[in-house]
Amino acid sequence: MVIFCFLVLERDLSTLFRFFSWPWVLMVVTIDFGWYLTAYQRGGVDFWHKQIIYENIDRYFGAAAFHTHKNTFSQAIWLMTQLFPW
């Protein structure tokens, strides 16, 4: 993410394509799919509802028991504090 932001600021997004690798994309998708498939086999529909629907989709859109402020600024702050590596 840091590299992407730097390249955007430098207006040099073409450099980003040098980092792209189909084998890496395939590996990440395989690992992620394998993890979710295994978790779904063990947890079934309960896993799907809790992990995918409740904790990911509902949390981001402000539904369910998660109390969020629905404005762009608070979502940007959340993204910066939760997803960046600091």
PDB file of N, CA and C in Angstrom:
ATOM      1  N   MET A   1       0.816  -1.176   0.000  1.00  0.00           N
ATOM      2  CA  MET A   1       0.000   0.000   0.000  1.00  0.00           C
ATOM      3  C   MET A   1       0.872   1.256   0.000  1.00  0.00           C
ATOM      4  N   VAL A   2       1.957   1.205   0.726  1.00  0.00           N
ATOM      5  CA  VAL A   2       2.866   2.350   0.779  1.00  0.00           C
ATOM      6  C   VAL A   2       3.472   2.603  -0.599  1.00  0.00           C
ATOM      7  N   ILE A   3       3.885   1.535  -1.259  1.00  0.00           N
ATOM      8  CA  ILE A   3       4.464   1.672  -2.601  1.00  0.00           C
ATOM      9  C   ILE A   3       3.428   2.248  -3.558  1.00  0.00           C
ATOM     10  N   PHE A   4       2.205   1.770  -3.472  1.00  0.00           N
ATOM     11  CA  PHE A   4       1.139   2.275  -4.339  1.00  0.00           C
ATOM     12  C   PHE A   4       0.918   3.772  -4.117  1.00  0.00           C
ATOM     13  N   CYS A   5       0.826   4.199  -2.863  1.00  0.00           N
ATOM     14  CA  CYS A   5       0.626   5.623  -2.563  1.00  0.00           C
ATOM     15  C   CYS A   5       1.796   6.460  -3.067  1.00  0.00           C
ATOM     16  N   PHE A   6       2.997   5.965  -2.881  1.00  0.00           N
ATOM     17  CA  PHE A   6       4.169   6.692  -3.364  1.00  0.00           C
ATOM     18  C   PHE A   6       4.127   6.852  -4.884  1.00  0.00           C
ATOM     19  N   LEU A   7       3.802   5.783  -5.587  1.00  0.00           N
ATOM     20  CA  LEU A   7       3.754   5.846  -7.050  1.00  0.00           C
ATOM     21  C   LEU A   7       2.621   6.743  -7.549  1.00  0.00           C
ATOM     22  N   VAL A   8       1.531   6.796  -6.823  1.00  0.00           N
ATOM     23  CA  VAL A   8       0.457   7.722  -7.183  1.00  0.00           C
ATOM     24  C   VAL A   8       0.938   9.154  -7.027  1.00  0.00           C
ATOM     25  N   LEU A   9       1.610   9.439  -5.911  1.00  0.00           N
ATOM     26  CA  LEU A   9       2.128  10.794  -5.691  1.00  0.00           C
ATOM     27  C   LEU A   9       3.172  11.183  -6.735  1.00  0.00           C
ATOM     28  N   GLU A  10       3.965  10.223  -7.159  1.00  0.00           N
ATOM     29  CA  GLU A  10       4.990  10.478  -8.173  1.00  0.00           C
ATOM     30  C   GLU A  10       4.435  10.437  -9.598  1.00  0.00           C
ATOM     31  N   ARG A  11       3.170  10.071  -9.716  1.00  0.00           N
ATOM     32  CA  ARG A  11       2.507   9.926 -11.022  1.00  0.00           C
ATOM     33  C   ARG A  11       3.259   8.951 -11.929  1.00  0.00           C
ATOM     34  N   ASP A  12       3.608   7.819 -11.344  1.00  0.00           N
ATOM     35  CA  ASP A  12       4.381   6.806 -12.069  1.00  0.00           C
ATOM     36  C   ASP A  12       3.750   5.427 -11.860  1.00  0.00           C
ATOM     37  N   LEU A  13       2.477   5.302 -12.177  1.00  0.00           N
ATOM     38  CA  LEU A  13       1.783   4.035 -11.963  1.00  0.00           C
ATOM     39  C   LEU A  13       2.267   2.930 -12.892  1.00  0.00           C
ATOM     40  N   SER A  14       2.933   3.275 -13.972  1.00  0.00           N
ATOM     41  CA  SER A  14       3.441   2.237 -14.871  1.00  0.00           C
ATOM     42  C   SER A  14       4.478   1.365 -14.167  1.00  0.00           C
ATOM     43  N   THR A  15       5.173   1.922 -13.194  1.00  0.00           N
ATOM     44  CA  THR A  15       6.146   1.142 -12.428  1.00  0.00           C
ATOM     45  C   THR A  15       5.456   0.051 -11.620  1.00  0.00           C
ATOM     46  N   LEU A  16       4.217   0.295 -11.251  1.00  0.00           N
ATOM     47  CA  LEU A  16       3.470  -0.676 -10.463  1.00  0.00           C
ATOM     48  C   LEU A  16       3.330  -2.006 -11.195  1.00  0.00           C
ATOM     49  N   PHE A  17       3.250  -1.973 -12.509  1.00  0.00           N
ATOM     50  CA  PHE A  17       3.096  -3.206 -13.277  1.00  0.00           C
ATOM     51  C   PHE A  17       4.346  -4.080 -13.232  1.00  0.00           C
ATOM     52  N   ARG A  18       5.477  -3.514 -12.897  1.00  0.00           N
ATOM     53  CA  ARG A  18       6.688  -4.337 -12.756  1.00  0.00           C
ATOM     54  C   ARG A  18       6.606  -5.246 -11.536  1.00  0.00           C
ATOM     55  N   PHE A  19       5.803  -4.852 -10.556  1.00  0.00           N
ATOM     56  CA  PHE A  19       5.638  -5.655  -9.346  1.00  0.00           C
ATOM     57  C   PHE A  19       4.608  -6.761  -9.525  1.00  0.00           C
ATOM     58  N   PHE A  20       3.776  -6.660 -10.550  1.00  0.00           N
ATOM     59  CA  PHE A  20       2.700  -7.619 -10.766  1.00  0.00           C
ATOM     60  C   PHE A  20       3.264  -8.957 -11.228  1.00  0.00           C
ATOM     61  N   SER A  21       2.736 -10.028 -10.660  1.00  0.00           N
ATOM     62  CA  SER A  21       3.195 -11.364 -11.014  1.00  0.00           C
ATOM     63  C   SER A  21       2.009 -12.332 -10.946  1.00  0.00           C
ATOM     64  N   TRP A  22       1.688 -12.968 -12.063  1.00  0.00           N
ATOM     65  CA  TRP A  22       0.594 -13.936 -12.071  1.00  0.00           C
ATOM     66  C   TRP A  22       0.833 -15.104 -11.121  1.00  0.00           C
ATOM     67  N   PRO A  23       2.059 -15.631 -11.002  1.00  0.00           N
ATOM     68  CA  PRO A  23       2.263 -16.703 -10.025  1.00  0.00           C
ATOM     69  C   PRO A  23       1.945 -16.265  -8.591  1.00  0.00           C
ATOM     70  N   TRP A  24       2.290 -15.029  -8.223  1.00  0.00           N
ATOM     71  CA  TRP A  24       1.976 -14.536  -6.878  1.00  0.00           C
ATOM     72  C   TRP A  24       0.469 -14.369  -6.696  1.00  0.00           C
ATOM     73  N   VAL A  25      -0.207 -13.858  -7.714  1.00  0.00           N
ATOM     74  CA  VAL A  25      -1.657 -13.700  -7.634  1.00  0.00           C
ATOM     75  C   VAL A  25      -2.312 -15.065  -7.466  1.00  0.00           C
ATOM     76  N   LEU A  26      -1.877 -16.040  -8.242  1.00  0.00           N
ATOM     77  CA  LEU A  26      -2.414 -17.393  -8.146  1.00  0.00           C
ATOM     78  C   LEU A  26      -2.170 -17.989  -6.766  1.00  0.00           C
ATOM     79  N   MET A  27      -0.980 -17.778  -6.216  1.00  0.00           N
ATOM     80  CA  MET A  27      -0.665 -18.298  -4.890  1.00  0.00           C
ATOM     81  C   MET A  27      -1.568 -17.668  -3.821  1.00  0.00           C
ATOM     82  N   VAL A  28      -1.747 -16.363  -3.862  1.00  0.00           N
ATOM     83  CA  VAL A  28      -2.579 -15.677  -2.870  1.00  0.00           C
ATOM     84  C   VAL A  28      -4.029 -16.126  -2.975  1.00  0.00           C
ATOM     85  N   VAL A  29      -4.548 -16.215  -4.191  1.00  0.00           N
ATOM     86  CA  VAL A  29      -5.929 -16.651  -4.381  1.00  0.00           C
ATOM     87  C   VAL A  29      -6.102 -18.090  -3.912  1.00  0.00           C
ATOM     88  N   THR A  30      -5.137 -18.945  -4.191  1.00  0.00           N
ATOM     89  CA  THR A  30      -5.205 -20.344  -3.763  1.00  0.00           C
ATOM     90  C   THR A  30      -5.201 -20.456  -2.246  1.00  0.00           C
ATOM     91  N   ILE A  31      -4.318 -19.730  -1.584  1.00  0.00           N
ATOM     92  CA  ILE A  31      -4.255 -19.766  -0.119  1.00  0.00           C
ATOM     93  C   ILE A  31      -5.548 -19.231   0.484  1.00  0.00           C
ATOM     94  N   ASP A  32      -6.022 -18.089  -0.014  1.00  0.00           N
ATOM     95  CA  ASP A  32      -7.260 -17.513   0.518  1.00  0.00           C
ATOM     96  C   ASP A  32      -8.451 -18.431   0.289  1.00  0.00           C
ATOM     97  N   PHE A  33      -8.584 -18.944  -0.926  1.00  0.00           N
ATOM     98  CA  PHE A  33      -9.696 -19.833  -1.232  1.00  0.00           C
ATOM     99  C   PHE A  33      -9.627 -21.091  -0.372  1.00  0.00           C
ATOM    100  N   GLY A  34      -8.428 -21.640  -0.214  1.00  0.00           N
ATOM    101  CA  GLY A  34      -8.265 -22.829   0.622  1.00  0.00           C
ATOM    102  C   GLY A  34      -8.659 -22.580   2.064  1.00  0.00           C
ATOM    103  N   TRP A  35      -8.283 -21.414   2.590  1.00  0.00           N
ATOM    104  CA  TRP A  35      -8.620 -21.088   3.977  1.00  0.00           C
ATOM    105  C   TRP A  35     -10.128 -20.956   4.145  1.00  0.00           C
ATOM    106  N   TYR A  36     -10.767 -20.200   3.256  1.00  0.00           N
ATOM    107  CA  TYR A  36     -12.216 -20.015   3.363  1.00  0.00           C
ATOM    108  C   TYR A  36     -12.972 -21.319   3.132  1.00  0.00           C
ATOM    109  N   LEU A  37     -12.502 -22.146   2.215  1.00  0.00           N
ATOM    110  CA  LEU A  37     -13.152 -23.432   1.975  1.00  0.00           C
ATOM    111  C   LEU A  37     -13.053 -24.332   3.204  1.00  0.00           C
ATOM    112  N   THR A  38     -11.870 -24.410   3.796  1.00  0.00           N
ATOM    113  CA  THR A  38     -11.686 -25.223   5.000  1.00  0.00           C
ATOM    114  C   THR A  38     -12.532 -24.697   6.150  1.00  0.00           C
ATOM    115  N   ALA A  39     -12.540 -23.391   6.339  1.00  0.00           N
ATOM    116  CA  ALA A  39     -13.337 -22.797   7.413  1.00  0.00           C
ATOM    117  C   ALA A  39     -14.825 -23.028   7.179  1.00  0.00           C
ATOM    118  N   TYR A  40     -15.263 -22.944   5.940  1.00  0.00           N
ATOM    119  CA  TYR A  40     -16.669 -23.191   5.630  1.00  0.00           C
ATOM    120  C   TYR A  40     -17.035 -24.655   5.869  1.00  0.00           C
ATOM    121  N   GLN A  41     -16.126 -25.574   5.526  1.00  0.00           N
ATOM    122  CA  GLN A  41     -16.395 -26.990   5.759  1.00  0.00           C
ATOM    123  C   GLN A  41     -16.512 -27.287   7.250  1.00  0.00           C
ATOM    124  N   ARG A  42     -15.727 -26.618   8.057  1.00  0.00           N
ATOM    125  CA  ARG A  42     -15.778 -26.844   9.505  1.00  0.00           C
ATOM    126  C   ARG A  42     -16.922 -26.092  10.170  1.00  0.00           C
ATOM    127  N   GLY A  43     -17.173 -24.857   9.724  1.00  0.00           N
ATOM    128  CA  GLY A  43     -18.172 -24.031  10.391  1.00  0.00           C
ATOM    129  C   GLY A  43     -19.515 -23.970   9.709  1.00  0.00           C
ATOM    130  N   GLY A  44     -19.561 -24.354   8.447  1.00  0.00           N
ATOM    131  CA  GLY A  44     -20.819 -24.361   7.709  1.00  0.00           C
ATOM    132  C   GLY A  44     -21.412 -22.980   7.505  1.00  0.00           C
ATOM    133  N   VAL A  45     -22.728 -22.945   7.488  1.00  0.00           N
ATOM    134  CA  VAL A  45     -23.446 -21.702   7.238  1.00  0.00           C
ATOM    135  C   VAL A  45     -23.209 -20.695   8.361  1.00  0.00           C
ATOM    136  N   ASP A  46     -23.009 -21.173   9.589  1.00  0.00           N
ATOM    137  CA  ASP A  46     -22.724 -20.259  10.701  1.00  0.00           C
ATOM    138  C   ASP A  46     -21.445 -19.470  10.450  1.00  0.00           C
ATOM    139  N   PHE A  47     -20.424 -20.143   9.951  1.00  0.00           N
ATOM    140  CA  PHE A  47     -19.181 -19.440   9.612  1.00  0.00           C
ATOM    141  C   PHE A  47     -19.445 -18.389   8.544  1.00  0.00           C
ATOM    142  N   TRP A  48     -20.171 -18.765   7.501  1.00  0.00           N
ATOM    143  CA  TRP A  48     -20.434 -17.836   6.400  1.00  0.00           C
ATOM    144  C   TRP A  48     -21.150 -16.576   6.907  1.00  0.00           C
ATOM    145  N   HIS A  49     -22.171 -16.774   7.729  1.00  0.00           N
ATOM    146  CA  HIS A  49     -22.928 -15.623   8.221  1.00  0.00           C
ATOM    147  C   HIS A  49     -22.104 -14.751   9.157  1.00  0.00           C
ATOM    148  N   LYS A  50     -21.321 -15.388  10.023  1.00  0.00           N
ATOM    149  CA  LYS A  50     -20.549 -14.584  10.974  1.00  0.00           C
ATOM    150  C   LYS A  50     -19.355 -13.912  10.306  1.00  0.00           C
ATOM    151  N   GLN A  51     -18.539 -14.662   9.605  1.00  0.00           N
ATOM    152  CA  GLN A  51     -17.289 -14.124   9.059  1.00  0.00           C
ATOM    153  C   GLN A  51     -17.516 -13.239   7.840  1.00  0.00           C
ATOM    154  N   ILE A  52     -18.254 -13.717   6.885  1.00  0.00           N
ATOM    155  CA  ILE A  52     -18.405 -12.980   5.634  1.00  0.00           C
ATOM    156  C   ILE A  52     -19.469 -11.890   5.761  1.00  0.00           C
ATOM    157  N   ILE A  53     -20.666 -12.268   6.137  1.00  0.00           N
ATOM    158  CA  ILE A  53     -21.771 -11.315   6.158  1.00  0.00           C
ATOM    159  C   ILE A  53     -21.646 -10.354   7.331  1.00  0.00           C
ATOM    160  N   TYR A  54     -21.598 -10.876   8.550  1.00  0.00           N
ATOM    161  CA  TYR A  54     -21.656 -10.030   9.739  1.00  0.00           C
ATOM    162  C   TYR A  54     -20.377  -9.229   9.958  1.00  0.00           C
ATOM    163  N   GLU A  55     -19.230  -9.899   9.983  1.00  0.00           N
ATOM    164  CA  GLU A  55     -17.994  -9.210  10.345  1.00  0.00           C
ATOM    165  C   GLU A  55     -17.382  -8.407   9.202  1.00  0.00           C
ATOM    166  N   ASN A  56     -17.650  -8.739   7.974  1.00  0.00           N
ATOM    167  CA  ASN A  56     -17.056  -8.003   6.859  1.00  0.00           C
ATOM    168  C   ASN A  56     -18.046  -7.042   6.211  1.00  0.00           C
ATOM    169  N   ILE A  57     -19.104  -7.553   5.662  1.00  0.00           N
ATOM    170  CA  ILE A  57     -20.033  -6.712   4.903  1.00  0.00           C
ATOM    171  C   ILE A  57     -20.824  -5.782   5.817  1.00  0.00           C
ATOM    172  N   ASP A  58     -21.461  -6.327   6.858  1.00  0.00           N
ATOM    173  CA  ASP A  58     -22.263  -5.488   7.744  1.00  0.00           C
ATOM    174  C   ASP A  58     -21.415  -4.466   8.492  1.00  0.00           C
ATOM    175  N   ARG A  59     -20.216  -4.828   8.882  1.00  0.00           N
ATOM    176  CA  ARG A  59     -19.360  -3.882   9.596  1.00  0.00           C
ATOM    177  C   ARG A  59     -18.995  -2.707   8.703  1.00  0.00           C
ATOM    178  N   TYR A  60     -18.650  -2.980   7.471  1.00  0.00           N
ATOM    179  CA  TYR A  60     -18.243  -1.894   6.583  1.00  0.00           C
ATOM    180  C   TYR A  60     -19.404  -0.958   6.270  1.00  0.00           C
ATOM    181  N   PHE A  61     -20.581  -1.515   6.043  1.00  0.00           N
ATOM    182  CA  PHE A  61     -21.723  -0.681   5.670  1.00  0.00           C
ATOM    183  C   PHE A  61     -22.503  -0.150   6.864  1.00  0.00           C
ATOM    184  N   GLY A  62     -22.075  -0.482   8.082  1.00  0.00           N
ATOM    185  CA  GLY A  62     -22.688   0.098   9.265  1.00  0.00           C
ATOM    186  C   GLY A  62     -23.967  -0.567   9.713  1.00  0.00           C
ATOM    187  N   ALA A  63     -24.193  -1.794   9.330  1.00  0.00           N
ATOM    188  CA  ALA A  63     -25.395  -2.506   9.748  1.00  0.00           C
ATOM    189  C   ALA A  63     -25.093  -3.314  11.005  1.00  0.00           C
ATOM    190  N   ALA A  64     -26.073  -4.074  11.442  1.00  0.00           N
ATOM    191  CA  ALA A  64     -25.956  -4.982  12.583  1.00  0.00           C
ATOM    192  C   ALA A  64     -25.619  -4.224  13.861  1.00  0.00           C
ATOM    193  N   ALA A  65     -24.799  -4.826  14.719  1.00  0.00           N
ATOM    194  CA  ALA A  65     -24.497  -4.241  16.026  1.00  0.00           C
ATOM    195  C   ALA A  65     -23.316  -3.293  15.987  1.00  0.00           C
ATOM    196  N   PHE A  66     -22.688  -3.141  14.842  1.00  0.00           N
ATOM    197  CA  PHE A  66     -21.547  -2.249  14.738  1.00  0.00           C
ATOM    198  C   PHE A  66     -22.065  -0.826  14.562  1.00  0.00           C
ATOM    199  N   HIS A  67     -21.706   0.031  15.491  1.00  0.00           N
ATOM    200  CA  HIS A  67     -22.152   1.422  15.426  1.00  0.00           C
ATOM    201  C   HIS A  67     -21.061   2.248  14.772  1.00  0.00           C
ATOM    202  N   THR A  68     -21.311   2.679  13.573  1.00  0.00           N
ATOM    203  CA  THR A  68     -20.334   3.487  12.859  1.00  0.00           C
ATOM    204  C   THR A  68     -20.977   4.776  12.393  1.00  0.00           C
ATOM    205  N   HIS A  69     -20.158   5.765  12.206  1.00  0.00           N
ATOM    206  CA  HIS A  69     -20.627   7.017  11.629  1.00  0.00           C
ATOM    207  C   HIS A  69     -20.552   6.860  10.115  1.00  0.00           C
ATOM    208  N   LYS A  70     -21.631   7.133   9.464  1.00  0.00           N
ATOM    209  CA  LYS A  70     -21.659   6.941   8.014  1.00  0.00           C
ATOM    210  C   LYS A  70     -21.254   8.223   7.296  1.00  0.00           C
ATOM    211  N   ASN A  71     -19.975   8.507   7.335  1.00  0.00           N
ATOM    212  CA  ASN A  71     -19.472   9.597   6.513  1.00  0.00           C
ATOM    213  C   ASN A  71     -18.107   9.205   5.977  1.00  0.00           C
ATOM    214  N   THR A  72     -17.709   9.852   4.941  1.00  0.00           N
ATOM    215  CA  THR A  72     -16.477   9.489   4.243  1.00  0.00           C
ATOM    216  C   THR A  72     -15.253   9.679   5.119  1.00  0.00           C
ATOM    217  N   PHE A  73     -15.235  10.738   5.910  1.00  0.00           N
ATOM    218  CA  PHE A  73     -14.067  11.026   6.743  1.00  0.00           C
ATOM    219  C   PHE A  73     -13.824   9.918   7.767  1.00  0.00           C
ATOM    220  N   SER A  74     -14.874   9.466   8.450  1.00  0.00           N
ATOM    221  CA  SER A  74     -14.683   8.426   9.461  1.00  0.00           C
ATOM    222  C   SER A  74     -14.259   7.108   8.821  1.00  0.00           C
ATOM    223  N   GLN A  75     -14.752   6.810   7.626  1.00  0.00           N
ATOM    224  CA  GLN A  75     -14.330   5.586   6.957  1.00  0.00           C
ATOM    225  C   GLN A  75     -12.882   5.682   6.509  1.00  0.00           C
ATOM    226  N   ALA A  76     -12.447   6.860   6.082  1.00  0.00           N
ATOM    227  CA  ALA A  76     -11.046   7.045   5.697  1.00  0.00           C
ATOM    228  C   ALA A  76     -10.141   6.882   6.911  1.00  0.00           C
ATOM    229  N   ILE A  77     -10.544   7.427   8.053  1.00  0.00           N
ATOM    230  CA  ILE A  77      -9.765   7.271   9.288  1.00  0.00           C
ATOM    231  C   ILE A  77      -9.698   5.797   9.670  1.00  0.00           C
ATOM    232  N   TRP A  78     -10.828   5.091   9.581  1.00  0.00           N
ATOM    233  CA  TRP A  78     -10.828   3.673   9.921  1.00  0.00           C
ATOM    234  C   TRP A  78      -9.883   2.906   9.010  1.00  0.00           C
ATOM    235  N   LEU A  79      -9.931   3.183   7.715  1.00  0.00           N
ATOM    236  CA  LEU A  79      -9.043   2.491   6.781  1.00  0.00           C
ATOM    237  C   LEU A  79      -7.582   2.761   7.109  1.00  0.00           C
ATOM    238  N   MET A  80      -7.254   3.993   7.447  1.00  0.00           N
ATOM    239  CA  MET A  80      -5.861   4.333   7.751  1.00  0.00           C
ATOM    240  C   MET A  80      -5.393   3.685   9.055  1.00  0.00           C
ATOM    241  N   THR A  81      -6.260   3.618  10.058  1.00  0.00           N
ATOM    242  CA  THR A  81      -5.833   3.071  11.347  1.00  0.00           C
ATOM    243  C   THR A  81      -5.878   1.552  11.391  1.00  0.00           C
ATOM    244  N   GLN A  82      -6.707   0.927  10.586  1.00  0.00           N
ATOM    245  CA  GLN A  82      -6.863  -0.522  10.660  1.00  0.00           C
ATOM    246  C   GLN A  82      -6.132  -1.290   9.570  1.00  0.00           C
ATOM    247  N   LEU A  83      -5.927  -0.700   8.424  1.00  0.00           N
ATOM    248  CA  LEU A  83      -5.376  -1.453   7.307  1.00  0.00           C
ATOM    249  C   LEU A  83      -3.924  -1.139   6.994  1.00  0.00           C
ATOM    250  N   PHE A  84      -3.439   0.005   7.443  1.00  0.00           N
ATOM    251  CA  PHE A  84      -2.047   0.334   7.172  1.00  0.00           C
ATOM    252  C   PHE A  84      -1.147  -0.361   8.193  1.00  0.00           C
ATOM    253  N   PRO A  85       0.107  -0.580   7.862  1.00  0.00           N
ATOM    254  CA  PRO A  85       0.978  -1.407   8.711  1.00  0.00           C
ATOM    255  C   PRO A  85       1.580  -0.690   9.919  1.00  0.00           C
ATOM    256  N   TRP A  86       0.948   0.319  10.449  1.00  0.00           N
ATOM    257  CA  TRP A  86       1.501   0.951  11.639  1.00  0.00           C
ATOM    258  C   TRP A  86       0.691   0.641  12.820  1.00  0.00           C
TER     259      TRP A  86
END
